[in-house]
């Protein structure tokens, strides 16, 4: 699962207008101030609020009866996405915790859905065709296996599980299922990430030399609860036995995107981390980490995350000999090297010159996922931009429902099935193991195999 994108507490935003030359203190501010897409880079509020701004996708068939199992923050964000899809109808919401205040948050989003406290009641409901499993990672396995056995389509949040053995059992069941199984690697469904992937594959940055990503958000993972039993249950992310830490619960998405773009699995991972700020919360997993993934061809990907500081927003950066591409949720830019070949399509793109003081840093070309469609409509993508309210999670829900209705994913979307979900989970769990031990771990090929 992945919390919403955010602006850090130390972020500074300056209004610069739509000029072609922008003088800023640093590159981070440029990216936020750029009007390349006609909007700022600031994300305010939760993913639920962002979804509320989006328009419903055109349905490909009758609405699919859905249920969401697990009504924590991720489950509620899934409900918010489904509420904006004409192709989906939420029939049931399910959680074992029946506190009125807790349940009301979900009922406000899906007021017509019937509440049940046992997921097996969901599976017995013939009106439910698809289930979204958003329980804690260590509780995924039995729910997934039972849902597949009941003939339901299954969307299982990432990571698939908090152990490799359970993740393998889930993935095997997903591969053998006669229904649709999707892993919650939402970036693989995201139009912007698919768009950037095609640029990387086409050689727009030539030889990829390295990648890096970050996720910074000052927040406690500890949640208060009325009873000791509930407190132990809801704070599963703090414990080694039930949590893959920041690597698995957050970093899995950025790590998987790098593997996806490189069309390769990592060969080794080195990790560092410790509890730097939230020791009094009883954290057993690190609240601040850095991992280095090694890929074939000596390419390395660095991921750092912290719960102790909010400086800068999440991003992924891919560097190559002809340029670099930075992705921030629904926005991306290509920064070309001065000796890179000219790109004919760039005539359609919005370009902003970045200056640091009196020194010109470079030109950022906005990569707009809907550019082709906009051009066909006679519009200028550089001026029109794209619908940034349809976040990666929204598109993952839409893609899953679309495949149920049509038997295929939406055009130009890769998506993620059981194998991709399993392999990404292996990478993330081993990265967490490296963080906790401070050692380098060499991946064994059989770890990635389901046979």
Protein backbone atom coordinates (compact mmCIF):
# COMPACT_ATOMS: atom_id res chain seq x y z
CA UNK A 1 0.00 0.00 0.00
CA UNK A 2 1.07 3.53 -0.56
CA UNK A 3 0.09 6.69 1.33
CA UNK A 4 -0.88 9.73 -0.71
CA UNK A 5 1.67 12.07 -2.24
CA UNK A 6 2.30 15.12 -0.11
CA UNK A 7 4.17 18.35 0.28
CA UNK A 8 6.78 18.34 2.98
CA UNK A 9 6.57 20.70 5.92
CA UNK A 10 9.68 22.55 4.75
CA UNK A 11 8.51 23.02 1.17
CA UNK A 12 8.53 26.55 -0.22
CA UNK A 13 6.21 27.46 -3.09
CA UNK A 14 6.70 30.59 -5.19
CA UNK A 15 4.32 31.87 -7.84
CA UNK A 16 6.34 32.53 -10.97
CA UNK A 17 3.76 32.67 -13.73
CA UNK A 18 4.15 31.03 -17.12
CA UNK A 19 7.42 32.53 -18.33
CA UNK A 20 9.84 30.44 -20.34
CA UNK A 21 12.76 31.27 -18.05
CA UNK A 22 12.36 30.59 -14.35
CA UNK A 23 14.91 31.70 -11.76
CA UNK A 24 14.65 29.67 -8.59
CA UNK A 25 16.61 28.81 -5.50
CA UNK A 26 16.79 25.14 -6.46
CA UNK A 27 15.50 22.49 -8.81
CA UNK A 28 12.89 21.22 -6.36
CA UNK A 29 11.20 24.62 -6.29
CA UNK A 30 11.33 24.80 -10.08
CA UNK A 31 9.44 21.57 -10.41
CA UNK A 32 6.76 22.77 -8.03
CA UNK A 33 6.45 26.21 -9.59
CA UNK A 34 6.51 25.10 -13.21
CA UNK A 35 3.31 25.67 -15.13
CA UNK A 36 4.30 22.92 -17.56
CA UNK A 37 1.01 21.21 -16.95
CA UNK A 38 -0.98 24.26 -15.99
CA UNK A 39 -0.99 23.37 -12.31
CA UNK A 40 1.44 23.42 -9.40
CA UNK A 41 3.11 20.32 -8.02
CA UNK A 42 1.44 20.74 -4.64
CA UNK A 43 -0.72 17.91 -3.36
CA UNK A 44 -3.05 18.97 -0.57
CA UNK A 45 -5.22 16.66 1.47
CA UNK A 46 -5.73 12.94 1.21
CA UNK A 47 -6.07 10.65 -1.77
CA UNK A 48 -9.78 10.55 -0.99
CA UNK A 49 -10.02 14.30 -1.65
CA UNK A 50 -8.06 13.98 -4.87
CA UNK A 51 -10.36 11.28 -6.18
CA UNK A 52 -13.37 13.43 -5.45
CA UNK A 53 -12.16 15.84 -8.14
CA UNK A 54 -11.90 13.22 -10.88
CA UNK A 55 -14.51 12.35 -13.49
CA UNK A 56 -15.89 8.82 -13.70
CA UNK A 57 -14.46 6.59 -16.40
CA UNK A 58 -16.80 5.38 -19.15
CA UNK A 59 -17.95 1.85 -18.25
CA UNK A 60 -17.09 -1.03 -20.61
CA UNK A 61 -20.09 -3.07 -19.43
CA UNK A 62 -22.53 -3.51 -16.54
CA UNK A 63 -21.14 -2.36 -13.18
CA UNK A 64 -19.04 -4.95 -11.39
CA UNK A 65 -20.25 -5.76 -7.87
CA UNK A 66 -17.33 -5.08 -5.52
CA UNK A 67 -16.39 -5.48 -1.89
CA UNK A 68 -13.54 -3.91 0.06
CA UNK A 69 -12.10 -6.05 2.86
CA UNK A 70 -10.10 -4.01 5.36
CA UNK A 71 -11.30 -0.46 6.04
CA UNK A 72 -8.14 1.27 7.17
CA UNK A 73 -6.71 4.29 5.27
CA UNK A 74 -5.85 2.25 2.16
CA UNK A 75 -9.22 0.52 2.12
CA UNK A 76 -10.96 3.88 2.35
CA UNK A 77 -8.88 5.28 -0.49
CA UNK A 78 -9.89 2.28 -2.61
CA UNK A 79 -13.52 2.98 -1.75
CA UNK A 80 -13.06 6.60 -2.81
CA UNK A 81 -11.68 5.46 -6.16
CA UNK A 82 -14.50 2.98 -6.72
CA UNK A 83 -17.05 5.66 -5.87
CA UNK A 84 -15.88 7.59 -8.94
CA UNK A 85 -16.05 4.61 -11.30
CA UNK A 86 -19.35 4.09 -13.11
CA UNK A 87 -18.07 0.60 -13.90
CA UNK A 88 -18.05 -0.44 -10.23
CA UNK A 89 -20.75 -0.84 -7.59
CA UNK A 90 -19.68 -1.33 -3.98
CA UNK A 91 -21.93 -4.05 -2.51
CA UNK A 92 -20.12 -4.85 0.74
CA UNK A 93 -17.58 -3.25 3.04
CA UNK A 94 -15.92 -5.51 5.58
CA UNK A 95 -13.81 -5.16 8.71
CA UNK A 96 -13.58 -7.10 11.95
CA UNK A 97 -13.43 -3.88 13.97
CA UNK A 98 -16.99 -2.66 14.52
CA UNK A 99 -16.38 0.69 16.25
CA UNK A 100 -19.06 3.11 14.98
CA UNK A 101 -16.59 5.95 14.56
CA UNK A 102 -14.18 3.78 12.59
CA UNK A 103 -16.86 2.29 10.34
CA UNK A 104 -18.56 5.62 9.66
CA UNK A 105 -15.57 6.85 7.66
CA UNK A 106 -16.15 4.07 5.13
CA UNK A 107 -19.93 4.30 5.20
CA UNK A 108 -19.70 7.98 4.33
CA UNK A 109 -17.81 7.04 1.15
CA UNK A 110 -19.97 4.01 0.24
CA UNK A 111 -23.36 4.69 1.87
CA UNK A 112 -25.21 2.02 -0.13
CA UNK A 113 -22.79 -0.80 0.75
CA UNK A 114 -23.80 -3.35 3.38
CA UNK A 115 -21.39 -3.69 6.31
CA UNK A 116 -20.24 -7.15 7.38
CA UNK A 117 -17.71 -8.17 10.02
CA UNK A 118 -16.63 -11.49 8.49
CA UNK A 119 -15.01 -11.67 5.04
CA UNK A 120 -16.55 -15.10 4.46
CA UNK A 121 -19.96 -13.41 4.36
CA UNK A 122 -18.62 -11.31 1.50
CA UNK A 123 -17.50 -14.41 -0.34
CA UNK A 124 -20.93 -15.99 0.11
CA UNK A 125 -22.62 -12.97 -1.49
CA UNK A 126 -23.40 -13.78 -5.12
CA UNK A 127 -23.73 -10.07 -5.91
CA UNK A 128 -20.04 -9.60 -5.16
CA UNK A 129 -17.91 -10.37 -8.20
CA UNK A 130 -14.66 -8.71 -7.18
CA UNK A 131 -12.92 -8.15 -3.85
CA UNK A 132 -10.26 -5.61 -2.96
CA UNK A 133 -8.10 -6.91 -0.11
CA UNK A 134 -6.67 -4.09 1.99
CA UNK A 135 -6.12 -5.86 5.30
CA UNK A 136 -2.69 -5.71 6.98
CA UNK A 137 -0.11 -7.45 4.78
CA UNK A 138 0.38 -10.39 7.14
CA UNK A 139 -3.36 -11.15 6.96
CA UNK A 140 -3.65 -11.29 3.17
CA UNK A 141 -3.03 -14.97 2.56
CA UNK A 142 -6.14 -16.74 3.82
CA UNK A 143 -8.47 -14.05 2.54
CA UNK A 144 -6.93 -14.27 -0.94
CA UNK A 145 -7.00 -18.07 -1.05
CA UNK A 146 -10.61 -18.20 0.10
CA UNK A 147 -11.68 -15.47 -2.33
CA UNK A 148 -10.13 -17.27 -5.29
CA UNK A 149 -11.70 -20.55 -4.19
CA UNK A 150 -15.07 -18.76 -4.07
CA UNK A 151 -14.65 -17.69 -7.69
CA UNK A 152 -14.10 -13.99 -7.00
CA UNK A 153 -11.87 -11.63 -8.93
CA UNK A 154 -9.13 -10.47 -6.55
CA UNK A 155 -7.14 -7.26 -6.19
CA UNK A 156 -4.54 -7.79 -3.44
CA UNK A 157 -2.67 -4.80 -2.10
CA UNK A 158 1.14 -4.74 -2.28
CA UNK A 159 3.16 -6.25 -0.77
CA UNK A 160 1.35 -9.53 -1.26
CA UNK A 161 2.41 -10.65 2.22
CA UNK A 162 4.94 -9.97 4.95
CA UNK A 163 6.77 -13.25 4.32
CA UNK A 164 8.10 -14.80 1.12
CA UNK A 165 6.41 -18.16 1.78
CA UNK A 166 2.97 -16.59 2.13
CA UNK A 167 3.58 -14.34 -0.86
CA UNK A 168 4.46 -17.41 -2.93
CA UNK A 169 1.27 -19.20 -1.85
CA UNK A 170 -0.79 -16.17 -2.86
CA UNK A 171 0.97 -15.78 -6.21
CA UNK A 172 0.57 -19.47 -7.08
CA UNK A 173 -3.13 -19.26 -6.32
CA UNK A 174 -3.40 -16.08 -8.37
CA UNK A 175 -1.70 -17.67 -11.38
CA UNK A 176 -3.94 -20.73 -11.20
CA UNK A 177 -7.14 -18.72 -10.77
CA UNK A 178 -9.74 -18.73 -13.53
CA UNK A 179 -10.74 -15.25 -12.41
CA UNK A 180 -8.74 -12.01 -12.64
CA UNK A 181 -5.98 -11.56 -10.07
CA UNK A 182 -4.21 -8.21 -9.75
CA UNK A 183 -1.35 -7.19 -7.48
CA UNK A 184 -1.56 -3.68 -6.05
CA UNK A 185 1.52 -2.38 -7.85
CA UNK A 186 -0.42 0.71 -8.80
CA UNK A 187 2.38 2.41 -10.76
CA UNK A 188 2.14 -0.33 -13.40
CA UNK A 189 -1.46 0.72 -14.02
CA UNK A 190 -0.62 4.43 -13.94
CA UNK A 191 -0.76 6.09 -17.36
CA UNK A 192 2.04 8.49 -16.47
CA UNK A 193 4.42 5.71 -15.41
CA UNK A 194 3.55 3.70 -18.52
CA UNK A 195 4.21 6.80 -20.62
CA UNK A 196 7.62 7.33 -19.04
CA UNK A 197 8.43 3.63 -19.41
CA UNK A 198 7.96 3.93 -23.17
CA UNK A 199 10.34 6.91 -23.24
CA UNK A 200 12.95 4.94 -21.33
CA UNK A 201 12.48 1.87 -23.56
CA UNK A 202 12.75 3.99 -26.72
CA UNK A 203 16.18 5.25 -25.66
CA UNK A 204 15.16 8.84 -24.88
CA UNK A 205 17.80 8.97 -22.13
CA UNK A 206 20.08 6.47 -23.95
CA UNK A 207 21.97 4.22 -21.53
CA UNK A 208 20.39 4.26 -18.07
CA UNK A 209 23.21 4.73 -15.60
CA UNK A 210 21.39 4.86 -12.27
CA UNK A 211 18.09 5.56 -10.54
CA UNK A 212 16.99 6.96 -7.24
CA UNK A 213 13.77 7.58 -5.37
CA UNK A 214 12.66 8.97 -2.06
CA UNK A 215 9.68 9.10 0.29
CA UNK A 216 9.81 11.53 3.22
CA UNK A 217 6.94 12.14 5.61
CA UNK A 218 7.17 13.00 9.29
CA UNK A 219 4.50 10.85 10.87
CA UNK A 220 4.13 8.21 13.53
CA UNK A 221 3.03 4.75 12.47
CA UNK A 222 1.55 4.20 15.92
CA UNK A 223 -2.24 4.42 16.21
CA UNK A 224 -4.10 4.88 19.46
CA UNK A 225 -6.79 2.32 20.27
CA UNK A 226 -9.37 1.83 23.05
CA UNK A 227 -8.13 -1.61 24.13
CA UNK A 228 -4.72 -3.33 24.33
CA UNK A 229 -5.94 -6.01 21.91
CA UNK A 230 -7.02 -3.45 19.32
CA UNK A 231 -3.82 -1.47 19.80
CA UNK A 232 -1.72 -4.57 19.12
CA UNK A 233 -3.79 -5.38 16.05
CA UNK A 234 -3.79 -1.91 14.49
CA UNK A 235 -0.06 -1.32 15.07
CA UNK A 236 1.14 -4.30 13.07
CA UNK A 237 3.47 -2.11 10.96
CA UNK A 238 5.67 -1.47 13.99
CA UNK A 239 6.59 -5.12 14.54
CA UNK A 240 9.26 -7.25 12.85
CA UNK A 241 7.02 -10.30 12.87
CA UNK A 242 4.24 -8.68 10.86
CA UNK A 243 5.79 -5.79 8.91
CA UNK A 244 8.22 -5.42 6.04
CA UNK A 245 8.97 -1.89 7.21
CA UNK A 246 9.38 1.11 4.95
CA UNK A 247 10.95 -1.03 2.23
CA UNK A 248 7.87 -3.21 1.81
CA UNK A 249 5.02 -0.90 2.82
CA UNK A 250 6.32 2.13 0.89
CA UNK A 251 9.46 1.39 -1.14
CA UNK A 252 8.03 -1.59 -3.02
CA UNK A 253 6.47 0.74 -5.61
CA UNK A 254 9.62 2.69 -6.50
CA UNK A 255 11.77 -0.45 -6.45
CA UNK A 256 9.33 -2.30 -8.70
CA UNK A 257 9.15 0.64 -11.11
CA UNK A 258 12.92 0.48 -11.54
CA UNK A 259 12.84 -3.28 -12.19
CA UNK A 260 9.99 -2.74 -14.64
CA UNK A 261 11.80 0.00 -16.56
CA UNK A 262 15.07 -1.95 -16.66
CA UNK A 263 13.26 -5.18 -17.60
CA UNK A 264 15.43 -6.91 -15.02
CA UNK A 265 15.41 -8.11 -11.43
CA UNK A 266 18.06 -6.91 -8.98
CA UNK A 267 21.06 -9.08 -8.24
CA UNK A 268 21.82 -7.73 -4.77
CA UNK A 269 20.67 -5.23 -2.16
CA UNK A 270 22.46 -3.38 0.61
CA UNK A 271 20.48 -1.69 3.34
CA UNK A 272 20.96 0.77 6.17
CA UNK A 273 18.49 1.98 8.72
CA UNK A 274 17.57 2.55 12.34
CA UNK A 275 14.93 4.05 14.60
CA UNK A 276 15.94 7.70 14.60
CA UNK A 277 12.90 9.44 16.01
CA UNK A 278 9.99 7.15 16.99
CA UNK A 279 11.69 4.90 19.55
CA UNK A 280 9.05 5.74 22.16
CA UNK A 281 6.38 4.31 19.86
CA UNK A 282 7.82 0.83 20.26
CA UNK A 283 9.01 0.61 16.67
CA UNK A 284 10.89 -2.60 15.91
CA UNK A 285 11.40 -1.68 12.24
CA UNK A 286 13.52 1.28 11.18
CA UNK A 287 11.85 4.67 10.78
CA UNK A 288 14.67 5.91 8.51
CA UNK A 289 16.22 3.76 5.79
CA UNK A 290 18.38 3.72 2.70
CA UNK A 291 18.66 0.81 0.30
CA UNK A 292 20.89 0.27 -2.74
CA UNK A 293 19.66 -2.21 -5.33
CA UNK A 294 22.18 -3.59 -7.82
CA UNK A 295 21.03 -4.56 -11.32
CA UNK A 296 22.75 -6.24 -14.26
CA UNK A 297 25.09 -3.90 -16.12
CA UNK A 298 26.25 -2.20 -12.92
CA UNK A 299 23.10 -0.07 -12.69
CA UNK A 300 22.17 0.85 -9.12
CA UNK A 301 18.97 2.22 -7.64
CA UNK A 302 19.02 4.12 -4.35
CA UNK A 303 15.86 4.44 -2.29
CA UNK A 304 15.65 6.41 0.91
CA UNK A 305 12.67 6.91 3.17
CA UNK A 306 12.02 8.41 6.56
CA UNK A 307 9.19 8.95 9.01
CA UNK A 308 11.25 11.60 10.81
CA UNK A 309 11.32 14.43 8.26
CA UNK A 310 9.01 15.80 5.54
CA UNK A 311 11.52 17.59 3.32
CA UNK A 312 10.59 17.36 -0.38
CA UNK A 313 7.86 15.20 -1.90
CA UNK A 314 8.12 11.63 -3.22
CA UNK A 315 9.75 11.16 -6.61
CA UNK A 316 11.54 8.69 -8.86
CA UNK A 317 14.51 9.77 -10.96
CA UNK A 318 16.05 7.84 -13.84
CA UNK A 319 19.41 9.04 -15.12
CA UNK A 320 20.93 8.23 -18.50
CA UNK A 321 23.72 9.41 -20.76
CA UNK A 322 21.36 11.57 -22.84
CA UNK A 323 19.23 12.93 -20.02
CA UNK A 324 17.24 12.31 -16.88
CA UNK A 325 13.53 11.76 -16.28
CA UNK A 326 11.85 12.67 -13.02
CA UNK A 327 8.41 11.32 -12.10
CA UNK A 328 6.17 12.75 -9.38
CA UNK A 329 2.89 10.82 -9.41
CA UNK A 330 0.99 12.24 -12.42
CA UNK A 331 3.76 14.56 -13.61
CA UNK A 332 7.09 13.90 -15.29
CA UNK A 333 9.88 15.85 -16.96
CA UNK A 334 12.73 15.02 -19.29
CA UNK A 335 15.96 16.97 -18.73
CA UNK A 336 18.14 16.50 -21.81
CA UNK A 337 21.90 16.67 -21.90
CA UNK A 338 23.28 19.41 -24.18
CA UNK A 339 24.80 16.80 -26.52
CA UNK A 340 21.64 14.69 -26.75
CA UNK A 341 19.97 14.33 -30.17
CA UNK A 342 16.95 16.51 -30.88
CA UNK A 343 13.55 14.89 -30.41
CA UNK A 344 10.97 15.71 -33.08
CA UNK A 345 7.98 15.29 -30.77
CA UNK A 346 9.29 17.92 -28.39
CA UNK A 347 7.72 20.62 -30.58
CA UNK A 348 4.41 19.67 -28.93
CA UNK A 349 5.78 19.79 -25.41
CA UNK A 350 5.91 22.62 -22.92
CA UNK A 351 9.50 23.61 -22.08
CA UNK A 352 10.71 25.68 -19.14
CA UNK A 353 14.22 26.95 -18.65
CA UNK A 354 15.63 26.40 -15.17
CA UNK A 355 18.11 28.87 -13.75
CA UNK A 356 19.93 28.55 -10.45
CA UNK A 357 21.08 32.08 -9.71
CA UNK A 358 22.67 33.35 -12.93
CA UNK A 359 23.52 29.88 -14.21
CA UNK A 360 21.14 28.15 -16.59
CA UNK A 361 20.70 24.59 -15.38
CA UNK A 362 18.76 23.10 -18.28
CA UNK A 363 15.38 22.73 -19.93
CA UNK A 364 12.64 20.52 -18.55
CA UNK A 365 10.30 19.00 -21.14
CA UNK A 366 6.93 18.01 -19.71
CA UNK A 367 6.07 14.40 -20.48
CA UNK A 368 2.29 14.27 -20.75
CA UNK A 369 0.71 10.83 -20.75
CA UNK A 370 -2.34 11.92 -22.74
CA UNK A 371 -0.37 13.85 -25.36
CA UNK A 372 -1.27 11.62 -28.31
CA UNK A 373 -4.99 11.76 -27.55
CA UNK A 374 -4.86 15.53 -27.08
CA UNK A 375 -3.08 16.04 -30.41
CA UNK A 376 -5.74 13.93 -32.17
CA UNK A 377 -8.34 16.24 -30.65
CA UNK A 378 -6.53 19.23 -32.12
CA UNK A 379 -5.26 20.41 -28.75
CA UNK A 380 -1.77 21.48 -27.69
CA UNK A 381 -0.65 19.16 -24.85
CA UNK A 382 1.80 21.77 -23.57
CA UNK A 383 -1.06 24.17 -22.92
CA UNK A 384 -3.85 21.72 -22.10
CA UNK A 385 -2.00 19.38 -19.75
CA UNK A 386 -3.64 16.25 -18.37
CA UNK A 387 -6.12 15.19 -15.71
CA UNK A 388 -3.87 14.90 -12.67
CA UNK A 389 -6.70 14.01 -10.29
CA UNK A 390 -6.81 10.41 -11.50
CA UNK A 391 -4.01 9.08 -9.32
CA UNK A 392 -2.20 5.77 -9.70
CA UNK A 393 -4.54 4.02 -7.25
CA UNK A 394 -7.59 5.30 -9.13
CA UNK A 395 -6.15 3.97 -12.39
CA UNK A 396 -5.28 0.62 -10.79
CA UNK A 397 -8.88 0.16 -9.65
CA UNK A 398 -10.14 1.23 -13.07
CA UNK A 399 -7.74 -1.12 -14.87
CA UNK A 400 -8.70 -4.09 -12.69
CA UNK A 401 -12.43 -3.51 -13.28
CA UNK A 402 -11.82 -2.98 -17.01
CA UNK A 403 -10.05 -6.32 -17.28
CA UNK A 404 -12.93 -8.06 -15.49
CA UNK A 405 -15.39 -6.54 -17.96
CA UNK A 406 -13.41 -6.96 -21.17
CA UNK A 407 -10.78 -9.62 -20.52
CA UNK A 408 -7.95 -7.17 -21.14
CA UNK A 409 -6.29 -4.16 -19.57
CA UNK A 410 -6.90 -0.62 -20.87
CA UNK A 411 -4.82 0.40 -23.87
CA UNK A 412 -1.15 1.16 -23.22
CA UNK A 413 -1.25 -0.15 -19.64
CA UNK A 414 0.93 -3.00 -18.40
CA UNK A 415 -0.76 -3.77 -15.10
CA UNK A 416 0.55 -6.26 -12.57
CA UNK A 417 -0.42 -9.87 -12.04
CA UNK A 418 0.56 -12.57 -9.60
CA UNK A 419 4.16 -13.07 -10.75
CA UNK A 420 4.98 -9.36 -10.83
CA UNK A 421 3.44 -8.94 -7.39
CA UNK A 422 5.41 -11.85 -6.00
CA UNK A 423 8.76 -10.75 -7.43
CA UNK A 424 8.26 -7.18 -6.21
CA UNK A 425 7.40 -8.52 -2.76
CA UNK A 426 10.58 -10.62 -2.69
CA UNK A 427 12.69 -7.57 -3.56
CA UNK A 428 11.01 -5.41 -0.92
CA UNK A 429 11.20 -8.00 1.86
CA UNK A 430 14.85 -8.74 1.16
CA UNK A 431 15.55 -5.00 1.10
CA UNK A 432 13.99 -4.75 4.56
CA UNK A 433 16.09 -7.71 5.71
CA UNK A 434 19.19 -5.88 4.48
CA UNK A 435 18.12 -2.73 6.33
CA UNK A 436 17.53 -4.59 9.58
CA UNK A 437 20.84 -6.47 9.39
CA UNK A 438 22.96 -3.75 7.79
CA UNK A 439 24.31 -6.35 5.39
CA UNK A 440 24.44 -6.92 1.65
CA UNK A 441 22.12 -9.67 0.39
CA UNK A 442 22.70 -11.38 -2.94
CA UNK A 443 19.48 -12.48 -4.59
CA UNK A 444 19.19 -16.12 -5.53
CA UNK A 445 17.37 -16.79 -8.80
CA UNK A 446 15.12 -19.41 -7.25
CA UNK A 447 13.72 -16.79 -4.86
CA UNK A 448 11.94 -15.19 -7.81
CA UNK A 449 10.53 -18.43 -9.18
CA UNK A 450 7.13 -19.85 -8.34
CA UNK A 451 7.76 -23.35 -9.68
